[in-house]
Amino acid sequence: MDFLAPQSSKVLSILRIVAALAFMAHGLMKIFHFPVPQEGAPDPLPTMLLVAGWLEIVGGALLALGLFTRPVAFVLSGMMAVAYCMAHWKFALPPAEGFYPALNKGEPALLYCFLFLYLACAGGGLWSLDAQVRKRP
């Protein structure tokens, strides 16, 4: 599988872009009800969900562009860790179905948390504004 190794930075960029756009969609549904309102979201949104929605939109856009990838991904990873604990695990109201993501419907939060943690470590890849800025003399 060594023939795939030269493509890793390009595939990292594709992973970053696709994940960022999918993540951004959650914020657009919360804040702008686009393309549809987020299922189960209260109206009006409490402050915590408003902040989360704007972080999803702005953070997702910055990640899609690959701008400030590492710090933005780190913040979003923390946000998703908090989301998992508060909405899917023992701190959820009503109480969640336990720690296991398959039972408490927390798979997306958990996956985004660790995907963003990976991006915080790996950076944005070849096709990112961060990479273009680093190339300048």
C-alpha atoms as a PDB file:
ATOM      1  CA  MET A   1       0.000   0.000   0.000  1.00  0.00           C
ATOM      2  CA  ASP A   2       3.033   2.307  -0.174  1.00  0.00           C
ATOM      3  CA  PHE A   3       1.756   3.634  -3.491  1.00  0.00           C
ATOM      4  CA  LEU A   4      -0.926   5.533  -1.553  1.00  0.00           C
ATOM      5  CA  ALA A   5       1.538   7.291   0.753  1.00  0.00           C
ATOM      6  CA  PRO A   6       2.330  10.135  -1.698  1.00  0.00           C
ATOM      7  CA  GLN A   7      -1.389  10.971  -1.805  1.00  0.00           C
ATOM      8  CA  SER A   8      -1.801  11.311   1.968  1.00  0.00           C
ATOM      9  CA  SER A   9      -1.643  15.122   2.092  1.00  0.00           C
ATOM     10  CA  LYS A  10      -4.209  15.433  -0.705  1.00  0.00           C
ATOM     11  CA  VAL A  11      -6.544  12.931   0.956  1.00  0.00           C
ATOM     12  CA  LEU A  12      -6.070  14.763   4.267  1.00  0.00           C
ATOM     13  CA  SER A  13      -7.286  17.927   2.534  1.00  0.00           C
ATOM     14  CA  ILE A  14     -10.302  16.114   1.091  1.00  0.00           C
ATOM     15  CA  LEU A  15     -11.150  14.673   4.524  1.00  0.00           C
ATOM     16  CA  ARG A  16     -10.870  18.153   6.057  1.00  0.00           C
ATOM     17  CA  ILE A  17     -13.094  19.773   3.416  1.00  0.00           C
ATOM     18  CA  VAL A  18     -15.811  17.103   3.453  1.00  0.00           C
ATOM     19  CA  ALA A  19     -15.923  16.915   7.260  1.00  0.00           C
ATOM     20  CA  ALA A  20     -15.977  20.721   7.573  1.00  0.00           C
ATOM     21  CA  LEU A  21     -18.845  21.134   5.115  1.00  0.00           C
ATOM     22  CA  ALA A  22     -20.863  18.373   6.797  1.00  0.00           C
ATOM     23  CA  PHE A  23     -20.182  19.943  10.208  1.00  0.00           C
ATOM     24  CA  MET A  24     -21.116  23.394   8.938  1.00  0.00           C
ATOM     25  CA  ALA A  25     -24.499  22.024   7.858  1.00  0.00           C
ATOM     26  CA  HIS A  26     -25.380  21.396  11.523  1.00  0.00           C
ATOM     27  CA  GLY A  27     -24.843  25.057  12.352  1.00  0.00           C
ATOM     28  CA  LEU A  28     -26.793  26.221   9.303  1.00  0.00           C
ATOM     29  CA  MET A  29     -29.732  24.056  10.380  1.00  0.00           C
ATOM     30  CA  LYS A  30     -29.576  25.397  13.956  1.00  0.00           C
ATOM     31  CA  ILE A  31     -29.202  29.085  13.147  1.00  0.00           C
ATOM     32  CA  PHE A  32     -30.790  29.602   9.711  1.00  0.00           C
ATOM     33  CA  HIS A  33     -33.032  26.501   9.457  1.00  0.00           C
ATOM     34  CA  PHE A  34     -31.257  25.721   6.161  1.00  0.00           C
ATOM     35  CA  PRO A  35     -31.981  23.459   4.360  1.00  0.00           C
ATOM     36  CA  VAL A  36     -34.425  22.449   7.117  1.00  0.00           C
ATOM     37  CA  PRO A  37     -34.623  23.190  10.858  1.00  0.00           C
ATOM     38  CA  GLN A  38     -32.535  20.872  13.018  1.00  0.00           C
ATOM     39  CA  GLU A  39     -34.718  18.103  14.368  1.00  0.00           C
ATOM     40  CA  GLY A  40     -35.331  18.376  18.093  1.00  0.00           C
ATOM     41  CA  ALA A  41     -33.764  21.836  18.476  1.00  0.00           C
ATOM     42  CA  PRO A  42     -35.805  24.132  20.716  1.00  0.00           C
ATOM     43  CA  ASP A  43     -37.107  27.418  19.359  1.00  0.00           C
ATOM     44  CA  PRO A  44     -35.786  29.883  20.375  1.00  0.00           C
ATOM     45  CA  LEU A  45     -32.339  28.357  20.849  1.00  0.00           C
ATOM     46  CA  PRO A  46     -30.758  28.608  24.285  1.00  0.00           C
ATOM     47  CA  THR A  47     -27.475  30.525  24.446  1.00  0.00           C
ATOM     48  CA  MET A  48     -25.332  27.385  24.494  1.00  0.00           C
ATOM     49  CA  LEU A  49     -26.881  26.107  21.253  1.00  0.00           C
ATOM     50  CA  LEU A  50     -26.555  29.545  19.635  1.00  0.00           C
ATOM     51  CA  VAL A  51     -22.847  29.572  20.451  1.00  0.00           C
ATOM     52  CA  ALA A  52     -22.495  25.992  19.204  1.00  0.00           C
ATOM     53  CA  GLY A  53     -24.322  26.853  15.973  1.00  0.00           C
ATOM     54  CA  TRP A  54     -22.080  29.818  15.233  1.00  0.00           C
ATOM     55  CA  LEU A  55     -18.961  27.782  16.076  1.00  0.00           C
ATOM     56  CA  GLU A  56     -20.178  25.127  13.656  1.00  0.00           C
ATOM     57  CA  ILE A  57     -20.738  27.682  10.883  1.00  0.00           C
ATOM     58  CA  VAL A  58     -17.626  29.817  11.334  1.00  0.00           C
ATOM     59  CA  GLY A  59     -15.353  26.954  12.396  1.00  0.00           C
ATOM     60  CA  GLY A  60     -16.634  24.753   9.586  1.00  0.00           C
ATOM     61  CA  ALA A  61     -16.013  27.508   7.028  1.00  0.00           C
ATOM     62  CA  LEU A  62     -12.463  28.120   8.315  1.00  0.00           C
ATOM     63  CA  LEU A  63     -11.730  24.388   8.234  1.00  0.00           C
ATOM     64  CA  ALA A  64     -13.168  24.039   4.729  1.00  0.00           C
ATOM     65  CA  LEU A  65     -10.779  26.772   3.584  1.00  0.00           C
ATOM     66  CA  GLY A  66      -7.935  25.321   5.604  1.00  0.00           C
ATOM     67  CA  LEU A  67      -7.360  28.620   7.399  1.00  0.00           C
ATOM     68  CA  PHE A  68      -6.092  28.466  11.008  1.00  0.00           C
ATOM     69  CA  THR A  69      -6.737  24.723  10.764  1.00  0.00           C
ATOM     70  CA  ARG A  70      -4.901  23.590  13.883  1.00  0.00           C
ATOM     71  CA  PRO A  71      -6.348  26.035  16.448  1.00  0.00           C
ATOM     72  CA  VAL A  72      -9.860  25.919  14.957  1.00  0.00           C
ATOM     73  CA  ALA A  73      -9.856  22.111  14.879  1.00  0.00           C
ATOM     74  CA  PHE A  74      -8.619  22.024  18.477  1.00  0.00           C
ATOM     75  CA  VAL A  75     -11.458  24.288  19.657  1.00  0.00           C
ATOM     76  CA  LEU A  76     -14.058  22.293  17.691  1.00  0.00           C
ATOM     77  CA  SER A  77     -12.693  19.023  19.076  1.00  0.00           C
ATOM     78  CA  GLY A  78     -13.203  20.341  22.596  1.00  0.00           C
ATOM     79  CA  MET A  79     -16.666  21.575  21.713  1.00  0.00           C
ATOM     80  CA  MET A  80     -17.632  18.118  20.470  1.00  0.00           C
ATOM     81  CA  ALA A  81     -16.196  16.459  23.591  1.00  0.00           C
ATOM     82  CA  VAL A  82     -18.397  18.740  25.702  1.00  0.00           C
ATOM     83  CA  ALA A  83     -21.362  18.022  23.401  1.00  0.00           C
ATOM     84  CA  TYR A  84     -20.859  14.288  23.856  1.00  0.00           C
ATOM     85  CA  CYS A  85     -20.720  14.577  27.639  1.00  0.00           C
ATOM     86  CA  MET A  86     -23.646  16.991  27.956  1.00  0.00           C
ATOM     87  CA  ALA A  87     -26.040  15.688  25.313  1.00  0.00           C
ATOM     88  CA  HIS A  88     -25.206  11.999  24.999  1.00  0.00           C
ATOM     89  CA  TRP A  89     -23.610  10.756  28.175  1.00  0.00           C
ATOM     90  CA  LYS A  90     -24.343  11.000  31.900  1.00  0.00           C
ATOM     91  CA  PHE A  91     -24.849  14.782  32.026  1.00  0.00           C
ATOM     92  CA  ALA A  92     -27.691  14.705  29.490  1.00  0.00           C
ATOM     93  CA  LEU A  93     -31.206  15.726  30.480  1.00  0.00           C
ATOM     94  CA  PRO A  94     -33.135  13.464  30.362  1.00  0.00           C
ATOM     95  CA  PRO A  95     -30.433  10.955  31.309  1.00  0.00           C
ATOM     96  CA  ALA A  96     -28.844   9.281  28.319  1.00  0.00           C
ATOM     97  CA  GLU A  97     -28.704   5.594  27.635  1.00  0.00           C
ATOM     98  CA  GLY A  98     -25.213   5.257  29.080  1.00  0.00           C
ATOM     99  CA  PHE A  99     -21.650   5.808  27.927  1.00  0.00           C
ATOM    100  CA  TYR A 100     -21.722   3.713  24.759  1.00  0.00           C
ATOM    101  CA  PRO A 101     -22.222   5.792  21.587  1.00  0.00           C
ATOM    102  CA  ALA A 102     -24.338   3.130  19.905  1.00  0.00           C
ATOM    103  CA  LEU A 103     -26.844   3.398  22.766  1.00  0.00           C
ATOM    104  CA  ASN A 104     -26.803   7.149  23.412  1.00  0.00           C
ATOM    105  CA  LYS A 105     -26.729   8.273  19.760  1.00  0.00           C
ATOM    106  CA  GLY A 106     -23.418  10.037  20.277  1.00  0.00           C
ATOM    107  CA  GLU A 107     -21.464   8.564  17.352  1.00  0.00           C
ATOM    108  CA  PRO A 108     -21.386  11.802  15.305  1.00  0.00           C
ATOM    109  CA  ALA A 109     -20.179  13.870  18.276  1.00  0.00           C
ATOM    110  CA  LEU A 110     -17.516  11.313  19.129  1.00  0.00           C
ATOM    111  CA  LEU A 111     -16.324  10.970  15.536  1.00  0.00           C
ATOM    112  CA  TYR A 112     -16.166  14.745  14.997  1.00  0.00           C
ATOM    113  CA  CYS A 113     -14.297  15.125  18.294  1.00  0.00           C
ATOM    114  CA  PHE A 114     -11.514  12.770  17.266  1.00  0.00           C
ATOM    115  CA  LEU A 115     -11.484  13.800  13.614  1.00  0.00           C
ATOM    116  CA  PHE A 116     -10.957  17.420  14.665  1.00  0.00           C
ATOM    117  CA  LEU A 117      -8.314  16.336  17.181  1.00  0.00           C
ATOM    118  CA  TYR A 118      -6.499  14.593  14.313  1.00  0.00           C
ATOM    119  CA  LEU A 119      -6.736  17.741  12.160  1.00  0.00           C
ATOM    120  CA  ALA A 120      -5.359  19.796  15.058  1.00  0.00           C
ATOM    121  CA  CYS A 121      -2.309  17.528  15.026  1.00  0.00           C
ATOM    122  CA  ALA A 122      -1.968  16.916  11.265  1.00  0.00           C
ATOM    123  CA  GLY A 123      -2.872  20.352   9.904  1.00  0.00           C
ATOM    124  CA  GLY A 124      -4.876  21.166   6.808  1.00  0.00           C
ATOM    125  CA  GLY A 125      -2.974  19.238   4.174  1.00  0.00           C
ATOM    126  CA  LEU A 126      -1.653  20.316   0.788  1.00  0.00           C
ATOM    127  CA  TRP A 127      -4.842  22.021  -0.403  1.00  0.00           C
ATOM    128  CA  SER A 128      -5.298  24.548   2.391  1.00  0.00           C
ATOM    129  CA  LEU A 129      -4.819  28.275   2.798  1.00  0.00           C
ATOM    130  CA  ASP A 130      -2.461  27.485   5.676  1.00  0.00           C
ATOM    131  CA  ALA A 131      -0.186  25.606   3.242  1.00  0.00           C
ATOM    132  CA  GLN A 132      -0.327  28.488   0.744  1.00  0.00           C
ATOM    133  CA  VAL A 133       0.642  31.020   3.429  1.00  0.00           C
ATOM    134  CA  ARG A 134       3.598  28.852   4.501  1.00  0.00           C
ATOM    135  CA  LYS A 135       4.884  28.747   0.886  1.00  0.00           C
ATOM    136  CA  ARG A 136       5.231  32.530   0.634  1.00  0.00           C
ATOM    137  CA  PRO A 137       8.785  33.844   0.964  1.00  0.00           C
END
